[in-house]
């Protein structure tokens, strides 16, 4: 993670350009407290960070507000609109919902 932040910072300095940092489920092997610490560190970074994770969902697929409420960042939920046909990708639509600002 530190390497990704450093590369992003160097790119900003060298090119006068800033790109969002995108993470795909970076917390899958974290303990509960480390996961919370990670999200709070990310929220303090002065860059646009996009994190895709299933960490805020319960086993039944509903939102786990106990994990979302303590965060200091904006949270969106992205999910497939149902029904869709697994064999026909043109039937898959994406819903994006603001959960927390």
PDB file of N, CA and C in Angstrom:
ATOM      1  N   UNK A   1       0.822  -1.177   0.000  1.00  0.00           N
ATOM      2  CA  UNK A   1       0.000   0.000   0.000  1.00  0.00           C
ATOM      3  C   UNK A   1       0.873   1.251   0.000  1.00  0.00           C
ATOM      4  N   UNK A   2       1.893   1.244   0.819  1.00  0.00           N
ATOM      5  CA  UNK A   2       2.768   2.420   0.888  1.00  0.00           C
ATOM      6  C   UNK A   2       3.428   2.681  -0.464  1.00  0.00           C
ATOM      7  N   UNK A   3       3.774   1.621  -1.171  1.00  0.00           N
ATOM      8  CA  UNK A   3       4.385   1.777  -2.496  1.00  0.00           C
ATOM      9  C   UNK A   3       3.389   2.426  -3.463  1.00  0.00           C
ATOM     10  N   UNK A   4       2.134   1.997  -3.424  1.00  0.00           N
ATOM     11  CA  UNK A   4       1.114   2.598  -4.290  1.00  0.00           C
ATOM     12  C   UNK A   4       0.944   4.085  -3.998  1.00  0.00           C
ATOM     13  N   UNK A   5       0.936   4.450  -2.726  1.00  0.00           N
ATOM     14  CA  UNK A   5       0.805   5.863  -2.359  1.00  0.00           C
ATOM     15  C   UNK A   5       2.015   6.656  -2.847  1.00  0.00           C
ATOM     16  N   UNK A   6       3.196   6.077  -2.716  1.00  0.00           N
ATOM     17  CA  UNK A   6       4.414   6.762  -3.157  1.00  0.00           C
ATOM     18  C   UNK A   6       4.438   6.947  -4.668  1.00  0.00           C
ATOM     19  N   UNK A   7       4.064   5.930  -5.419  1.00  0.00           N
ATOM     20  CA  UNK A   7       4.024   6.038  -6.879  1.00  0.00           C
ATOM     21  C   UNK A   7       3.021   7.114  -7.291  1.00  0.00           C
ATOM     22  N   UNK A   8       1.885   7.138  -6.650  1.00  0.00           N
ATOM     23  CA  UNK A   8       0.876   8.147  -6.954  1.00  0.00           C
ATOM     24  C   UNK A   8       1.405   9.546  -6.674  1.00  0.00           C
ATOM     25  N   UNK A   9       2.099   9.715  -5.562  1.00  0.00           N
ATOM     26  CA  UNK A   9       2.666  11.021  -5.202  1.00  0.00           C
ATOM     27  C   UNK A   9       3.740  11.441  -6.201  1.00  0.00           C
ATOM     28  N   UNK A  10       4.597  10.519  -6.596  1.00  0.00           N
ATOM     29  CA  UNK A  10       5.633  10.835  -7.581  1.00  0.00           C
ATOM     30  C   UNK A  10       5.031  11.224  -8.928  1.00  0.00           C
ATOM     31  N   UNK A  11       3.964  10.539  -9.322  1.00  0.00           N
ATOM     32  CA  UNK A  11       3.290  10.879 -10.573  1.00  0.00           C
ATOM     33  C   UNK A  11       2.735  12.296 -10.513  1.00  0.00           C
ATOM     34  N   UNK A  12       2.174  12.646  -9.385  1.00  0.00           N
ATOM     35  CA  UNK A  12       1.634  13.998  -9.208  1.00  0.00           C
ATOM     36  C   UNK A  12       2.741  15.037  -9.321  1.00  0.00           C
ATOM     37  N   UNK A  13       3.880  14.775  -8.705  1.00  0.00           N
ATOM     38  CA  UNK A  13       5.006  15.725  -8.724  1.00  0.00           C
ATOM     39  C   UNK A  13       5.606  15.822 -10.119  1.00  0.00           C
ATOM     40  N   UNK A  14       5.854  14.677 -10.762  1.00  0.00           N
ATOM     41  CA  UNK A  14       6.534  14.651 -12.059  1.00  0.00           C
ATOM     42  C   UNK A  14       5.669  15.175 -13.199  1.00  0.00           C
ATOM     43  N   UNK A  15       4.391  14.858 -13.178  1.00  0.00           N
ATOM     44  CA  UNK A  15       3.538  15.163 -14.333  1.00  0.00           C
ATOM     45  C   UNK A  15       2.495  16.236 -14.055  1.00  0.00           C
ATOM     46  N   UNK A  16       2.489  16.774 -12.852  1.00  0.00           N
ATOM     47  CA  UNK A  16       1.449  17.737 -12.477  1.00  0.00           C
ATOM     48  C   UNK A  16       0.054  17.191 -12.779  1.00  0.00           C
ATOM     49  N   UNK A  17      -0.110  15.917 -12.565  1.00  0.00           N
ATOM     50  CA  UNK A  17      -1.365  15.261 -12.854  1.00  0.00           C
ATOM     51  C   UNK A  17      -1.682  14.313 -11.703  1.00  0.00           C
ATOM     52  N   UNK A  18      -2.936  14.216 -11.357  1.00  0.00           N
ATOM     53  CA  UNK A  18      -3.332  13.363 -10.244  1.00  0.00           C
ATOM     54  C   UNK A  18      -4.367  12.355 -10.726  1.00  0.00           C
ATOM     55  N   UNK A  19      -4.144  11.094 -10.431  1.00  0.00           N
ATOM     56  CA  UNK A  19      -5.050  10.032 -10.837  1.00  0.00           C
ATOM     57  C   UNK A  19      -5.655   9.392  -9.593  1.00  0.00           C
ATOM     58  N   UNK A  20      -6.882   8.906  -9.695  1.00  0.00           N
ATOM     59  CA  UNK A  20      -7.465   8.239  -8.519  1.00  0.00           C
ATOM     60  C   UNK A  20      -6.748   6.931  -8.238  1.00  0.00           C
ATOM     61  N   UNK A  21      -6.695   6.584  -6.972  1.00  0.00           N
ATOM     62  CA  UNK A  21      -6.167   5.285  -6.563  1.00  0.00           C
ATOM     63  C   UNK A  21      -7.353   4.331  -6.499  1.00  0.00           C
ATOM     64  N   UNK A  22      -7.236   3.190  -7.154  1.00  0.00           N
ATOM     65  CA  UNK A  22      -8.336   2.229  -7.197  1.00  0.00           C
ATOM     66  C   UNK A  22      -7.857   0.918  -6.578  1.00  0.00           C
ATOM     67  N   UNK A  23      -8.595   0.448  -5.583  1.00  0.00           N
ATOM     68  CA  UNK A  23      -8.254  -0.788  -4.884  1.00  0.00           C
ATOM     69  C   UNK A  23      -9.399  -1.780  -5.050  1.00  0.00           C
ATOM     70  N   UNK A  24      -9.050  -3.032  -5.254  1.00  0.00           N
ATOM     71  CA  UNK A  24     -10.053  -4.081  -5.371  1.00  0.00           C
ATOM     72  C   UNK A  24      -9.929  -5.008  -4.171  1.00  0.00           C
ATOM     73  N   UNK A  25     -10.862  -4.877  -3.234  1.00  0.00           N
ATOM     74  CA  UNK A  25     -10.916  -5.711  -2.026  1.00  0.00           C
ATOM     75  C   UNK A  25      -9.572  -5.815  -1.318  1.00  0.00           C
ATOM     76  N   UNK A  26      -8.965  -4.691  -0.937  1.00  0.00           N
ATOM     77  CA  UNK A  26      -7.649  -4.750  -0.306  1.00  0.00           C
ATOM     78  C   UNK A  26      -7.681  -5.258   1.125  1.00  0.00           C
ATOM     79  N   UNK A  27      -8.866  -5.414   1.696  1.00  0.00           N
ATOM     80  CA  UNK A  27      -8.955  -5.750   3.112  1.00  0.00           C
ATOM     81  C   UNK A  27      -9.342  -7.195   3.381  1.00  0.00           C
ATOM     82  N   UNK A  28      -9.348  -8.024   2.369  1.00  0.00           N
ATOM     83  CA  UNK A  28      -9.859  -9.384   2.534  1.00  0.00           C
ATOM     84  C   UNK A  28      -9.114 -10.201   3.588  1.00  0.00           C
ATOM     85  N   UNK A  29      -7.845  -9.909   3.825  1.00  0.00           N
ATOM     86  CA  UNK A  29      -7.094 -10.686   4.814  1.00  0.00           C
ATOM     87  C   UNK A  29      -6.872  -9.916   6.121  1.00  0.00           C
ATOM     88  N   UNK A  30      -7.514  -8.767   6.270  1.00  0.00           N
ATOM     89  CA  UNK A  30      -7.339  -7.947   7.473  1.00  0.00           C
ATOM     90  C   UNK A  30      -8.243  -8.433   8.598  1.00  0.00           C
ATOM     91  N   UNK A  31      -7.769  -8.244   9.847  1.00  0.00           N
ATOM     92  CA  UNK A  31      -8.634  -8.440  11.000  1.00  0.00           C
ATOM     93  C   UNK A  31      -9.593  -7.255  11.063  1.00  0.00           C
ATOM     94  N   UNK A  32     -10.643  -7.357  11.841  1.00  0.00           N
ATOM     95  CA  UNK A  32     -11.687  -6.333  11.895  1.00  0.00           C
ATOM     96  C   UNK A  32     -11.131  -4.944  12.225  1.00  0.00           C
ATOM     97  N   UNK A  33     -10.282  -4.835  13.247  1.00  0.00           N
ATOM     98  CA  UNK A  33      -9.741  -3.523  13.635  1.00  0.00           C
ATOM     99  C   UNK A  33      -8.808  -2.965  12.564  1.00  0.00           C
ATOM    100  N   UNK A  34      -7.992  -3.813  11.957  1.00  0.00           N
ATOM    101  CA  UNK A  34      -7.090  -3.353  10.898  1.00  0.00           C
ATOM    102  C   UNK A  34      -7.880  -2.853   9.694  1.00  0.00           C
ATOM    103  N   UNK A  35      -8.991  -3.497   9.409  1.00  0.00           N
ATOM    104  CA  UNK A  35      -9.839  -3.079   8.309  1.00  0.00           C
ATOM    105  C   UNK A  35     -10.380  -1.670   8.578  1.00  0.00           C
ATOM    106  N   UNK A  36     -10.863  -1.428   9.773  1.00  0.00           N
ATOM    107  CA  UNK A  36     -11.367  -0.108  10.155  1.00  0.00           C
ATOM    108  C   UNK A  36     -10.257   0.934  10.085  1.00  0.00           C
ATOM    109  N   UNK A  37      -9.072   0.583  10.583  1.00  0.00           N
ATOM    110  CA  UNK A  37      -7.913   1.498  10.524  1.00  0.00           C
ATOM    111  C   UNK A  37      -7.566   1.832   9.078  1.00  0.00           C
ATOM    112  N   UNK A  38      -7.608   0.837   8.208  1.00  0.00           N
ATOM    113  CA  UNK A  38      -7.296   1.048   6.797  1.00  0.00           C
ATOM    114  C   UNK A  38      -8.228   2.088   6.190  1.00  0.00           C
ATOM    115  N   UNK A  39      -9.539   1.917   6.396  1.00  0.00           N
ATOM    116  CA  UNK A  39     -10.497   2.851   5.808  1.00  0.00           C
ATOM    117  C   UNK A  39     -10.329   4.262   6.373  1.00  0.00           C
ATOM    118  N   UNK A  40      -9.998   4.372   7.642  1.00  0.00           N
ATOM    119  CA  UNK A  40      -9.788   5.696   8.226  1.00  0.00           C
ATOM    120  C   UNK A  40      -8.512   6.348   7.701  1.00  0.00           C
ATOM    121  N   UNK A  41      -7.465   5.573   7.456  1.00  0.00           N
ATOM    122  CA  UNK A  41      -6.243   6.120   6.850  1.00  0.00           C
ATOM    123  C   UNK A  41      -6.536   6.601   5.438  1.00  0.00           C
ATOM    124  N   UNK A  42      -7.246   5.802   4.670  1.00  0.00           N
ATOM    125  CA  UNK A  42      -7.596   6.168   3.302  1.00  0.00           C
ATOM    126  C   UNK A  42      -8.413   7.452   3.280  1.00  0.00           C
ATOM    127  N   UNK A  43      -9.328   7.605   4.224  1.00  0.00           N
ATOM    128  CA  UNK A  43     -10.184   8.797   4.229  1.00  0.00           C
ATOM    129  C   UNK A  43      -9.396  10.065   4.524  1.00  0.00           C
ATOM    130  N   UNK A  44      -8.208   9.946   5.137  1.00  0.00           N
ATOM    131  CA  UNK A  44      -7.368  11.111   5.430  1.00  0.00           C
ATOM    132  C   UNK A  44      -6.446  11.492   4.279  1.00  0.00           C
ATOM    133  N   UNK A  45      -6.329  10.647   3.271  1.00  0.00           N
ATOM    134  CA  UNK A  45      -5.458  10.933   2.132  1.00  0.00           C
ATOM    135  C   UNK A  45      -6.126  11.966   1.245  1.00  0.00           C
ATOM    136  N   UNK A  46      -5.366  12.921   0.796  1.00  0.00           N
ATOM    137  CA  UNK A  46      -5.918  14.015  -0.016  1.00  0.00           C
ATOM    138  C   UNK A  46      -5.947  13.653  -1.497  1.00  0.00           C
ATOM    139  N   UNK A  47      -6.302  12.443  -1.798  1.00  0.00           N
ATOM    140  CA  UNK A  47      -6.428  11.962  -3.167  1.00  0.00           C
ATOM    141  C   UNK A  47      -7.762  11.261  -3.298  1.00  0.00           C
ATOM    142  N   UNK A  48      -8.211  11.156  -4.525  1.00  0.00           N
ATOM    143  CA  UNK A  48      -9.434  10.403  -4.761  1.00  0.00           C
ATOM    144  C   UNK A  48      -9.092   8.922  -4.700  1.00  0.00           C
ATOM    145  N   UNK A  49      -9.731   8.195  -3.793  1.00  0.00           N
ATOM    146  CA  UNK A  49      -9.511   6.758  -3.645  1.00  0.00           C
ATOM    147  C   UNK A  49     -10.834   6.041  -3.878  1.00  0.00           C
ATOM    148  N   UNK A  50     -10.784   5.034  -4.702  1.00  0.00           N
ATOM    149  CA  UNK A  50     -11.964   4.222  -4.984  1.00  0.00           C
ATOM    150  C   UNK A  50     -11.641   2.806  -4.531  1.00  0.00           C
ATOM    151  N   UNK A  51     -12.463   2.283  -3.645  1.00  0.00           N
ATOM    152  CA  UNK A  51     -12.217   0.960  -3.080  1.00  0.00           C
ATOM    153  C   UNK A  51     -13.425   0.077  -3.353  1.00  0.00           C
ATOM    154  N   UNK A  52     -13.196  -1.056  -3.998  1.00  0.00           N
ATOM    155  CA  UNK A  52     -14.248  -2.034  -4.225  1.00  0.00           C
ATOM    156  C   UNK A  52     -14.072  -3.135  -3.194  1.00  0.00           C
ATOM    157  N   UNK A  53     -15.091  -3.347  -2.371  1.00  0.00           N
ATOM    158  CA  UNK A  53     -14.979  -4.345  -1.316  1.00  0.00           C
ATOM    159  C   UNK A  53     -16.355  -4.907  -0.976  1.00  0.00           C
ATOM    160  N   UNK A  54     -16.360  -6.113  -0.465  1.00  0.00           N
ATOM    161  CA  UNK A  54     -17.593  -6.714   0.039  1.00  0.00           C
ATOM    162  C   UNK A  54     -17.641  -6.629   1.557  1.00  0.00           C
ATOM    163  N   UNK A  55     -16.705  -5.911   2.149  1.00  0.00           N
ATOM    164  CA  UNK A  55     -16.572  -5.854   3.603  1.00  0.00           C
ATOM    165  C   UNK A  55     -17.778  -5.256   4.313  1.00  0.00           C
ATOM    166  N   UNK A  56     -18.574  -4.463   3.626  1.00  0.00           N
ATOM    167  CA  UNK A  56     -19.700  -3.795   4.269  1.00  0.00           C
ATOM    168  C   UNK A  56     -21.009  -4.556   4.097  1.00  0.00           C
ATOM    169  N   UNK A  57     -20.918  -5.787   3.616  1.00  0.00           N
ATOM    170  CA  UNK A  57     -22.115  -6.598   3.426  1.00  0.00           C
ATOM    171  C   UNK A  57     -22.170  -7.729   4.444  1.00  0.00           C
ATOM    172  N   UNK A  58     -23.384  -8.049   4.863  1.00  0.00           N
ATOM    173  CA  UNK A  58     -23.574  -9.217   5.727  1.00  0.00           C
ATOM    174  C   UNK A  58     -23.565 -10.461   4.845  1.00  0.00           C
ATOM    175  N   UNK A  59     -23.618 -11.624   5.457  1.00  0.00           N
ATOM    176  CA  UNK A  59     -23.647 -12.866   4.688  1.00  0.00           C
ATOM    177  C   UNK A  59     -24.887 -12.959   3.798  1.00  0.00           C
ATOM    178  N   UNK A  60     -25.958 -12.272   4.177  1.00  0.00           N
ATOM    179  CA  UNK A  60     -27.198 -12.292   3.390  1.00  0.00           C
ATOM    180  C   UNK A  60     -27.197 -11.233   2.293  1.00  0.00           C
ATOM    181  N   UNK A  61     -26.159 -10.388   2.232  1.00  0.00           N
ATOM    182  CA  UNK A  61     -26.054  -9.394   1.174  1.00  0.00           C
ATOM    183  C   UNK A  61     -26.598  -8.022   1.518  1.00  0.00           C
ATOM    184  N   UNK A  62     -27.078  -7.832   2.747  1.00  0.00           N
ATOM    185  CA  UNK A  62     -27.556  -6.508   3.149  1.00  0.00           C
ATOM    186  C   UNK A  62     -26.384  -5.699   3.712  1.00  0.00           C
ATOM    187  N   UNK A  63     -26.565  -4.374   3.779  1.00  0.00           N
ATOM    188  CA  UNK A  63     -25.494  -3.510   4.280  1.00  0.00           C
ATOM    189  C   UNK A  63     -25.305  -3.688   5.777  1.00  0.00           C
ATOM    190  N   UNK A  64     -24.051  -3.682   6.216  1.00  0.00           N
ATOM    191  CA  UNK A  64     -23.713  -3.780   7.632  1.00  0.00           C
ATOM    192  C   UNK A  64     -23.395  -2.370   8.137  1.00  0.00           C
ATOM    193  N   UNK A  65     -24.418  -1.689   8.637  1.00  0.00           N
ATOM    194  CA  UNK A  65     -24.255  -0.301   9.075  1.00  0.00           C
ATOM    195  C   UNK A  65     -23.307  -0.156  10.260  1.00  0.00           C
ATOM    196  N   UNK A  66     -23.104  -1.218  11.032  1.00  0.00           N
ATOM    197  CA  UNK A  66     -22.154  -1.152  12.143  1.00  0.00           C
ATOM    198  C   UNK A  66     -20.730  -0.909  11.640  1.00  0.00           C
ATOM    199  N   UNK A  67     -20.428  -1.367  10.433  1.00  0.00           N
ATOM    200  CA  UNK A  67     -19.106  -1.148   9.845  1.00  0.00           C
ATOM    201  C   UNK A  67     -19.047   0.173   9.083  1.00  0.00           C
ATOM    202  N   UNK A  68     -20.168   0.628   8.572  1.00  0.00           N
ATOM    203  CA  UNK A  68     -20.203   1.841   7.750  1.00  0.00           C
ATOM    204  C   UNK A  68     -20.246   3.101   8.604  1.00  0.00           C
ATOM    205  N   UNK A  69     -21.028   3.092   9.669  1.00  0.00           N
ATOM    206  CA  UNK A  69     -21.239   4.299  10.477  1.00  0.00           C
ATOM    207  C   UNK A  69     -19.960   4.958  11.000  1.00  0.00           C
ATOM    208  N   UNK A  70     -18.959   4.206  11.464  1.00  0.00           N
ATOM    209  CA  UNK A  70     -17.763   4.864  12.004  1.00  0.00           C
ATOM    210  C   UNK A  70     -16.839   5.489  10.943  1.00  0.00           C
ATOM    211  N   UNK A  71     -17.070   5.223   9.674  1.00  0.00           N
ATOM    212  CA  UNK A  71     -16.172   5.698   8.619  1.00  0.00           C
ATOM    213  C   UNK A  71     -16.325   7.199   8.372  1.00  0.00           C
ATOM    214  N   UNK A  72     -15.214   7.833   7.997  1.00  0.00           N
ATOM    215  CA  UNK A  72     -15.199   9.265   7.685  1.00  0.00           C
ATOM    216  C   UNK A  72     -15.068   9.490   6.188  1.00  0.00           C
ATOM    217  N   UNK A  73     -15.737   8.690   5.387  1.00  0.00           N
ATOM    218  CA  UNK A  73     -15.629   8.820   3.936  1.00  0.00           C
ATOM    219  C   UNK A  73     -16.993   8.563   3.295  1.00  0.00           C
ATOM    220  N   UNK A  74     -17.084   8.901   2.029  1.00  0.00           N
ATOM    221  CA  UNK A  74     -18.311   8.656   1.288  1.00  0.00           C
ATOM    222  C   UNK A  74     -18.360   7.185   0.878  1.00  0.00           C
ATOM    223  N   UNK A  75     -19.526   6.583   1.013  1.00  0.00           N
ATOM    224  CA  UNK A  75     -19.698   5.174   0.681  1.00  0.00           C
ATOM    225  C   UNK A  75     -20.854   5.043  -0.317  1.00  0.00           C
ATOM    226  N   UNK A  76     -20.583   4.343  -1.408  1.00  0.00           N
ATOM    227  CA  UNK A  76     -21.604   4.013  -2.398  1.00  0.00           C
ATOM    228  C   UNK A  76     -21.752   2.508  -2.452  1.00  0.00           C
ATOM    229  N   UNK A  77     -22.925   2.069  -2.836  1.00  0.00           N
ATOM    230  CA  UNK A  77     -23.125   0.647  -3.075  1.00  0.00           C
ATOM    231  C   UNK A  77     -23.337   0.444  -4.567  1.00  0.00           C
ATOM    232  N   UNK A  78     -22.581  -0.478  -5.139  1.00  0.00           N
ATOM    233  CA  UNK A  78     -22.727  -0.831  -6.541  1.00  0.00           C
ATOM    234  C   UNK A  78     -23.203  -2.287  -6.594  1.00  0.00           C
ATOM    235  N   UNK A  79     -24.288  -2.506  -7.308  1.00  0.00           N
ATOM    236  CA  UNK A  79     -24.811  -3.869  -7.408  1.00  0.00           C
ATOM    237  C   UNK A  79     -25.503  -4.074  -8.749  1.00  0.00           C
ATOM    238  N   UNK A  80     -25.605  -5.324  -9.123  1.00  0.00           N
ATOM    239  CA  UNK A  80     -26.292  -5.672 -10.368  1.00  0.00           C
ATOM    240  C   UNK A  80     -27.792  -5.551 -10.164  1.00  0.00           C
ATOM    241  N   UNK A  81     -28.452  -4.966 -11.151  1.00  0.00           N
ATOM    242  CA  UNK A  81     -29.907  -4.899 -11.124  1.00  0.00           C
ATOM    243  C   UNK A  81     -30.451  -6.275 -11.480  1.00  0.00           C
ATOM    244  N   UNK A  82     -31.371  -6.758 -10.694  1.00  0.00           N
ATOM    245  CA  UNK A  82     -31.953  -8.075 -10.934  1.00  0.00           C
ATOM    246  C   UNK A  82     -33.331  -7.919 -11.559  1.00  0.00           C
ATOM    247  N   UNK A  83     -33.772  -8.811 -12.365  1.00  0.00           N
ATOM    248  CA  UNK A  83     -33.105 -10.018 -12.837  1.00  0.00           C
ATOM    249  C   UNK A  83     -32.179  -9.715 -14.020  1.00  0.00           C
ATOM    250  N   UNK A  84     -31.278 -10.637 -14.294  1.00  0.00           N
ATOM    251  CA  UNK A  84     -30.419 -10.564 -15.467  1.00  0.00           C
ATOM    252  C   UNK A  84     -30.121 -11.978 -15.938  1.00  0.00           C
ATOM    253  N   UNK A  85     -29.664 -12.070 -17.173  1.00  0.00           N
ATOM    254  CA  UNK A  85     -29.354 -13.364 -17.775  1.00  0.00           C
ATOM    255  C   UNK A  85     -27.840 -13.552 -17.752  1.00  0.00           C
ATOM    256  N   UNK A  86     -27.355 -14.553 -17.027  1.00  0.00           N
ATOM    257  CA  UNK A  86     -25.915 -14.819 -16.941  1.00  0.00           C
ATOM    258  C   UNK A  86     -25.281 -15.074 -18.301  1.00  0.00           C
ATOM    259  N   UNK A  87     -26.062 -15.552 -19.238  1.00  0.00           N
ATOM    260  CA  UNK A  87     -25.542 -15.902 -20.553  1.00  0.00           C
ATOM    261  C   UNK A  87     -25.550 -14.719 -21.528  1.00  0.00           C
ATOM    262  N   UNK A  88     -26.206 -13.622 -21.150  1.00  0.00           N
ATOM    263  CA  UNK A  88     -26.316 -12.460 -22.026  1.00  0.00           C
ATOM    264  C   UNK A  88     -25.880 -11.209 -21.265  1.00  0.00           C
ATOM    265  N   UNK A  89     -24.628 -10.804 -21.460  1.00  0.00           N
ATOM    266  CA  UNK A  89     -24.076  -9.666 -20.716  1.00  0.00           C
ATOM    267  C   UNK A  89     -24.820  -8.365 -20.976  1.00  0.00           C
ATOM    268  N   UNK A  90     -25.516  -8.257 -22.089  1.00  0.00           N
ATOM    269  CA  UNK A  90     -26.250  -7.026 -22.387  1.00  0.00           C
ATOM    270  C   UNK A  90     -27.436  -6.829 -21.444  1.00  0.00           C
ATOM    271  N   UNK A  91     -27.812  -7.859 -20.703  1.00  0.00           N
ATOM    272  CA  UNK A  91     -28.943  -7.735 -19.769  1.00  0.00           C
ATOM    273  C   UNK A  91     -28.492  -7.251 -18.389  1.00  0.00           C
ATOM    274  N   UNK A  92     -27.198  -7.151 -18.159  1.00  0.00           N
ATOM    275  CA  UNK A  92     -26.696  -6.751 -16.845  1.00  0.00           C
ATOM    276  C   UNK A  92     -26.630  -5.228 -16.765  1.00  0.00           C
ATOM    277  N   UNK A  93     -27.367  -4.687 -15.813  1.00  0.00           N
ATOM    278  CA  UNK A  93     -27.366  -3.252 -15.538  1.00  0.00           C
ATOM    279  C   UNK A  93     -26.803  -3.043 -14.134  1.00  0.00           C
ATOM    280  N   UNK A  94     -26.148  -1.900 -13.914  1.00  0.00           N
ATOM    281  CA  UNK A  94     -25.538  -1.614 -12.625  1.00  0.00           C
ATOM    282  C   UNK A  94     -26.290  -0.494 -11.920  1.00  0.00           C
ATOM    283  N   UNK A  95     -26.598  -0.702 -10.654  1.00  0.00           N
ATOM    284  CA  UNK A  95     -27.204   0.334  -9.813  1.00  0.00           C
ATOM    285  C   UNK A  95     -26.151   0.856  -8.852  1.00  0.00           C
ATOM    286  N   UNK A  96     -26.044   2.164  -8.739  1.00  0.00           N
ATOM    287  CA  UNK A  96     -25.132   2.787  -7.788  1.00  0.00           C
ATOM    288  C   UNK A  96     -25.956   3.665  -6.868  1.00  0.00           C
ATOM    289  N   UNK A  97     -25.834   3.407  -5.569  1.00  0.00           N
ATOM    290  CA  UNK A  97     -26.635   4.098  -4.563  1.00  0.00           C
ATOM    291  C   UNK A  97     -25.723   4.740  -3.518  1.00  0.00           C
ATOM    292  N   UNK A  98     -25.973   6.006  -3.213  1.00  0.00           N
ATOM    293  CA  UNK A  98     -25.226   6.676  -2.151  1.00  0.00           C
ATOM    294  C   UNK A  98     -25.683   6.107  -0.813  1.00  0.00           C
ATOM    295  N   UNK A  99     -24.745   5.606  -0.003  1.00  0.00           N
ATOM    296  CA  UNK A  99     -25.053   5.030   1.294  1.00  0.00           C
ATOM    297  C   UNK A  99     -24.747   6.040   2.393  1.00  0.00           C
ATOM    298  N   UNK A 100     -23.595   6.721   2.263  1.00  0.00           N
ATOM    299  CA  UNK A 100     -23.173   7.664   3.310  1.00  0.00           C
ATOM    300  C   UNK A 100     -22.304   8.746   2.673  1.00  0.00           C
ATOM    301  N   UNK A 101     -22.571   9.997   3.090  1.00  0.00           N
ATOM    302  CA  UNK A 101     -21.726  11.111   2.624  1.00  0.00           C
ATOM    303  C   UNK A 101     -20.769  11.525   3.697  1.00  0.00           C
TER     304      UNK A 101
END
